[in-house]
Protein backbone atom coordinates (compact mmCIF):
# COMPACT_ATOMS: atom_id res chain seq x y z
CA GLN A 1 0.00 0.00 0.00
CA PHE A 2 1.21 3.51 -0.84
CA VAL A 3 0.66 6.89 0.78
CA ASN A 4 2.16 9.85 -1.09
CA ASP A 5 4.42 7.44 -3.01
CA GLU A 6 5.67 5.94 0.26
CA ILE A 7 5.33 2.19 0.83
CA LEU A 8 3.68 1.42 4.17
CA PRO A 9 4.91 -1.51 6.27
CA ALA A 10 2.94 -4.72 5.81
CA PHE A 11 2.08 -4.86 9.51
CA SER A 12 -0.12 -1.91 10.45
CA LYS A 13 -2.96 -1.31 12.88
CA PHE A 14 -6.33 0.42 12.60
CA ILE A 15 -7.78 2.02 15.75
CA ALA A 16 -10.96 4.04 16.26
CA GLY A 17 -12.12 6.45 18.95
CA ASN A 18 -13.46 9.95 18.28
CA GLU A 19 -11.28 9.81 15.17
CA LYS A 20 -9.99 6.85 13.19
CA TYR A 21 -6.26 6.23 12.83
CA PHE A 22 -3.93 3.96 10.93
CA LEU A 23 -0.69 3.14 12.78
CA SER A 24 2.07 2.12 10.43
CA GLY A 25 5.66 1.80 11.57
CA ASN A 26 6.70 5.10 13.14
CA LYS A 27 3.89 7.07 11.54
CA ILE A 28 0.32 7.65 12.54
CA TYR A 29 -2.22 8.64 9.90
CA ARG A 30 -5.73 9.97 10.35
CA TRP A 31 -8.13 7.72 8.42
CA ILE A 32 -10.50 9.80 6.29
CA ALA A 33 -13.47 7.92 4.88
CA ASN A 34 -15.44 9.12 1.86
CA GLN A 35 -18.96 7.79 2.42
CA LYS A 36 -20.10 8.53 -1.15
CA ASP A 37 -17.77 6.15 -2.96
CA ASN A 38 -16.56 3.88 -0.12
CA HIS A 39 -12.97 5.06 -0.52
CA TYR A 40 -10.63 6.34 2.14
CA GLY A 41 -7.65 8.62 2.43
CA LEU A 42 -4.83 8.94 4.92
CA SER A 43 -3.52 12.20 6.32
CA MET A 44 -0.30 12.34 8.38
CA LYS A 45 -1.09 13.00 12.06
CA TYR A 46 2.27 12.17 13.68
CA ASP A 47 5.70 11.16 12.40
CA ASP A 48 8.32 9.84 14.81
CA SER A 49 11.00 8.88 12.31
CA ALA A 50 13.68 9.35 15.01
CA SER A 51 12.27 6.36 16.91
CA MET A 52 13.63 2.91 16.11
CA PHE A 53 10.37 1.23 17.12
CA GLY A 54 6.92 1.24 15.53
CA TYR A 55 3.49 1.95 16.99
CA TYR A 56 1.49 -1.29 17.16
CA THR A 57 -0.34 -1.07 20.48
CA ALA A 58 -3.22 1.36 20.91
CA VAL A 59 -6.29 1.90 23.08
CA ALA A 60 -9.15 4.39 23.14
CA ASP A 61 -9.71 6.18 26.46
CA LYS A 62 -13.13 6.94 27.98
CA ASP A 63 -13.33 10.22 26.02
CA GLY A 64 -12.46 8.63 22.67
CA ASN A 65 -8.85 9.85 22.56
CA ILE A 66 -6.34 7.34 21.21
CA VAL A 67 -3.24 6.34 23.19
CA THR A 68 -0.38 4.43 21.59
CA ALA A 69 3.19 3.62 22.57
CA SER A 70 6.61 2.46 21.42
CA ASN A 71 9.51 4.12 23.25
CA LYS A 72 7.21 7.02 24.10
CA LEU A 73 3.55 7.34 24.97
CA VAL A 74 1.47 9.26 22.43
CA LEU A 75 -1.98 10.74 23.11
CA LEU A 76 -3.97 11.67 19.99
CA THR A 77 -6.88 14.06 20.37
CA LYS A 78 -8.81 15.59 17.51
CA ASP A 79 -6.47 18.58 17.17
CA LYS A 80 -3.25 17.79 19.02
CA VAL A 81 -0.62 15.18 19.82
CA ILE A 82 0.92 14.87 23.29
CA THR A 83 3.96 12.68 24.00
CA GLN A 84 5.74 11.42 27.11
CA PRO A 85 8.99 9.38 27.22
CA LEU A 86 8.97 5.70 28.26
CA ASP A 87 12.77 5.18 28.36
CA TYR A 88 12.62 2.05 26.19
CA MET A 89 10.31 -0.09 24.08
CA VAL A 90 6.80 -0.92 25.24
CA ASP A 91 4.91 -3.83 23.65
CA GLN A 92 1.49 -3.12 25.14
CA ILE A 93 -0.39 -0.49 27.15
CA THR A 94 -3.61 -0.64 29.14
CA LEU A 95 -6.17 1.73 30.66
CA ASP A 96 -7.53 1.21 34.15
CA ASN A 97 -10.96 2.16 35.52
CA LYS A 98 -9.65 5.65 36.47
CA ASN A 99 -8.61 6.46 32.86
CA ARG A 100 -4.94 6.01 33.75
CA VAL A 101 -2.54 4.59 31.18
CA TRP A 102 -0.18 1.85 32.37
CA ALA A 103 2.90 0.86 30.38
CA ALA A 104 5.60 -1.69 31.28
CA ASN A 105 8.73 -1.28 29.17
CA ARG A 106 11.20 -4.01 28.25
CA SER A 107 13.79 -2.58 30.65
CA ASN A 108 11.46 -3.50 33.53
CA ARG A 109 9.95 -0.14 34.44
CA LEU A 110 6.24 0.41 35.04
CA PHE A 111 4.74 3.81 34.23
CA CYS A 112 1.38 5.25 35.24
CA PHE A 113 0.06 8.31 33.36
CA GLN A 114 -3.16 10.21 33.96
CA ILE A 115 -5.23 11.53 31.08
CA SER A 116 -7.01 14.64 32.29
CA ASP A 117 -9.67 16.70 30.53
CA SER A 118 -10.72 15.95 26.98
CA GLY A 119 -10.61 17.32 23.45
CA ASN A 120 -8.27 20.29 22.99
CA TYR A 121 -7.80 20.52 26.77
CA ALA A 122 -6.59 16.94 27.20
CA ASN A 123 -3.32 16.48 29.02
CA LEU A 124 -1.06 13.51 29.75
CA SER A 125 0.95 13.56 32.97
CA LEU A 126 3.25 11.02 34.61
CA GLN A 127 1.78 9.98 37.96
CA ARG A 128 4.33 7.39 39.03
CA LYS A 129 7.29 5.43 37.67
CA PHE A 130 8.23 2.12 39.29
CA ASP A 131 11.69 0.57 38.77
CA SER A 132 12.26 -3.21 38.65
CA VAL A 133 8.67 -4.19 39.28
CA VAL A 134 8.81 -7.73 37.88
CA LYS A 135 11.68 -10.21 37.50
CA SER A 136 12.00 -10.19 33.73
CA SER A 137 11.31 -8.26 30.56
CA PRO A 138 7.56 -7.34 30.37
CA ARG A 139 5.76 -8.07 27.09
CA SER A 140 2.06 -7.66 27.90
CA ILE A 141 -0.06 -5.71 30.36
CA THR A 142 -3.74 -5.40 31.25
CA ALA A 143 -5.86 -3.88 33.99
CA ASP A 144 -8.77 -5.79 35.53
CA LYS A 145 -12.14 -4.27 36.47
CA ASP A 146 -10.86 -3.50 39.99
CA GLY A 147 -7.87 -1.50 38.67
CA ASN A 148 -5.25 -4.14 39.42
CA ILE A 149 -2.45 -4.64 36.91
CA TRP A 150 -1.40 -7.93 35.30
CA ILE A 151 1.99 -8.11 33.55
CA GLY A 152 3.12 -10.97 31.33
CA THR A 153 6.89 -11.37 30.99
CA ARG A 154 9.12 -12.95 28.39
CA ASP A 155 10.32 -15.84 30.55
CA GLU A 156 9.18 -15.39 34.16
CA GLY A 157 5.43 -15.88 33.75
CA LEU A 158 2.55 -13.68 34.83
CA PHE A 159 2.59 -11.12 37.63
CA TYR A 160 -0.44 -9.71 39.45
CA LEU A 161 -0.03 -6.28 41.06
CA GLN A 162 -2.69 -5.18 43.50
CA ILE A 163 -2.80 -1.39 43.20
CA ASN A 164 -3.97 1.00 45.92
CA GLY A 165 -3.94 4.55 44.58
CA LEU A 166 -0.46 4.80 43.10
CA THR A 167 1.11 2.21 45.39
CA ILE A 168 1.68 -1.48 44.74
CA GLN A 169 -0.08 -3.13 47.68
CA SER A 170 0.95 -6.69 46.87
CA MET A 171 2.39 -8.79 44.07
CA LEU A 172 1.94 -12.43 43.11
CA GLN A 173 3.77 -14.41 40.44
């Protein structure tokens, strides 16, 4: 597939919230549908060509904003892009029941960011960074309905983190 004579990577991701996006390598495009003839167009929303990683994980928050990550967290609202560093590659992100974004990077750090406000007033702020949370390189993460965090690692199994506010109350492997 081509966009402006540029070949897009074979592995790309489509994500929808208030807007629709196409994540392809280090670029994020806004998906523009033409209802009359069932065609679509892509418009560049964000280009992070300095990053050596691509954007393949994404979630929509409670307000329809899109959050994605690689070596930085990216919040896409209708009119702006907000980024925060993650120190190293993140394979997956999750949202908890308080609209907080959790990301565990491959260098074993856990980040918690708060998305505040919505639309043009949306903001992304680091709430807490935890060092050496689990024993091995995290690859997957999810939050359960109670706001607890589950982290899957490359070779040490699954970890359950019971969260109280911004503190890890207990951990099970």
